């Protein structure tokens, strides 16, 4: 699906610091760029989810999992303008391909989307 319009920059850093899940866009869109930072002592899976609300595990469609090592920042290589038909959400998971949320808030997420 092709989506046109100006890119909107979205920065996730809740007042409490890092988080373990979030919504980048609560409607269909395309993701252009993601940078993920971990400030935790354990690594986790950063997973993009095709969903308009925060991932909960039930019926969530994992679109793209990436391992984020403890204490590192990663620019996530995505296919050009990766399309999401429902919404663009993310979660920090202990398991690749499943939404098994980590026990603590671990990630900061920056995203560029249409």
Protein backbone atom coordinates (compact mmCIF):
# COMPACT_ATOMS: atom_id res chain seq x y z
CA UNK A 1 0.00 0.00 0.00
CA UNK A 2 1.35 3.39 -0.96
CA UNK A 3 0.87 6.23 1.50
CA UNK A 4 1.64 9.80 0.55
CA UNK A 5 2.24 12.92 2.62
CA UNK A 6 4.92 14.58 4.68
CA UNK A 7 6.81 12.45 7.17
CA UNK A 8 5.98 13.08 10.83
CA UNK A 9 8.66 12.54 13.45
CA UNK A 10 7.54 10.76 16.58
CA UNK A 11 9.74 10.51 19.69
CA UNK A 12 8.90 8.13 22.52
CA UNK A 13 10.40 8.89 25.91
CA UNK A 14 7.73 8.71 28.61
CA UNK A 15 8.20 10.91 31.70
CA UNK A 16 9.19 7.81 33.67
CA UNK A 17 11.99 7.02 31.19
CA UNK A 18 11.99 3.91 29.02
CA UNK A 19 8.99 1.79 28.19
CA UNK A 20 8.21 -1.80 27.14
CA UNK A 21 5.46 -1.14 24.57
CA UNK A 22 3.91 1.71 22.66
CA UNK A 23 2.03 2.97 19.62
CA UNK A 24 3.87 4.94 16.96
CA UNK A 25 0.75 5.52 14.86
CA UNK A 26 -2.80 4.41 15.73
CA UNK A 27 -3.90 4.14 12.09
CA UNK A 28 -2.52 2.62 8.86
CA UNK A 29 0.85 3.99 7.83
CA UNK A 30 4.38 3.40 6.61
CA UNK A 31 7.44 3.26 8.81
CA UNK A 32 10.55 4.83 7.33
CA UNK A 33 13.12 4.72 10.16
CA UNK A 34 13.43 3.44 13.73
CA UNK A 35 16.19 3.93 16.29
CA UNK A 36 16.01 1.94 19.52
CA UNK A 37 18.07 2.50 22.68
CA UNK A 38 18.34 0.10 25.59
CA UNK A 39 19.33 1.36 29.03
CA UNK A 40 18.90 -1.98 30.72
CA UNK A 41 21.33 -4.67 31.86
CA UNK A 42 19.60 -7.32 29.73
CA UNK A 43 18.94 -7.42 25.98
CA UNK A 44 15.49 -7.96 24.51
CA UNK A 45 13.61 -8.29 21.22
CA UNK A 46 12.25 -5.04 19.80
CA UNK A 47 9.25 -6.08 17.70
CA UNK A 48 7.14 -4.02 15.34
CA UNK A 49 3.47 -5.00 15.47
CA UNK A 50 0.66 -4.34 12.97
CA UNK A 51 -1.77 -2.91 15.51
CA UNK A 52 -3.44 0.43 16.36
CA UNK A 53 -3.12 -0.11 20.13
CA UNK A 54 -0.41 -1.33 22.48
CA UNK A 55 0.56 -4.98 21.95
CA UNK A 56 -0.94 -7.42 24.45
CA UNK A 57 -0.11 -10.75 22.87
CA UNK A 58 -3.56 -11.89 21.79
CA UNK A 59 -3.88 -11.76 18.01
CA UNK A 60 -0.87 -9.47 17.58
CA UNK A 61 0.88 -9.75 14.21
CA UNK A 62 4.66 -9.36 14.56
CA UNK A 63 5.98 -7.63 11.46
CA UNK A 64 9.67 -7.25 12.23
CA UNK A 65 11.73 -8.48 15.23
CA UNK A 66 15.22 -7.12 16.02
CA UNK A 67 17.51 -8.12 18.92
CA UNK A 68 18.63 -5.08 20.97
CA UNK A 69 21.66 -5.89 23.15
CA UNK A 70 21.82 -4.49 26.68
CA UNK A 71 22.96 -0.88 26.87
CA UNK A 72 23.16 -0.36 23.09
CA UNK A 73 21.49 1.86 20.52
CA UNK A 74 20.55 0.43 17.13
CA UNK A 75 19.27 1.97 13.94
CA UNK A 76 16.84 -0.64 12.64
CA UNK A 77 17.21 -1.44 8.93
CA UNK A 78 13.70 -1.59 7.47
CA UNK A 79 12.42 -2.30 3.98
CA UNK A 80 11.75 1.08 2.32
CA UNK A 81 8.61 2.61 3.84
CA UNK A 82 7.43 -0.61 5.49
CA UNK A 83 3.60 -0.63 5.32
CA UNK A 84 1.31 -1.40 8.28
CA UNK A 85 -2.37 -1.92 7.41
CA UNK A 86 -3.81 -1.43 10.91
CA UNK A 87 -1.39 0.72 12.89
CA UNK A 88 2.27 0.87 13.93
CA UNK A 89 2.97 -0.44 17.43
CA UNK A 90 6.02 -1.93 19.15
CA UNK A 91 6.96 -4.03 22.15
CA UNK A 92 10.02 -5.22 24.06
CA UNK A 93 9.78 -9.00 24.27
CA UNK A 94 11.76 -11.86 25.77
CA UNK A 95 10.77 -14.08 22.85
CA UNK A 96 11.26 -13.50 19.12
CA UNK A 97 8.01 -13.68 17.19
CA UNK A 98 5.71 -13.66 20.25
CA UNK A 99 4.57 -10.82 22.49
CA UNK A 100 6.04 -11.88 25.84
CA UNK A 101 6.59 -8.49 27.44
CA UNK A 102 9.76 -7.92 29.44
CA UNK A 103 9.27 -7.36 33.17
CA UNK A 104 10.68 -3.80 33.24
CA UNK A 105 10.63 -0.74 31.02
CA UNK A 106 13.74 -1.02 28.84
CA UNK A 107 13.60 0.86 25.54
CA UNK A 108 13.52 4.35 24.08
CA UNK A 109 12.11 4.41 20.54
CA UNK A 110 12.47 7.10 17.86
CA UNK A 111 10.49 6.66 14.65
CA UNK A 112 9.95 8.42 11.35
CA UNK A 113 6.66 7.48 9.71
CA UNK A 114 4.04 8.52 7.18
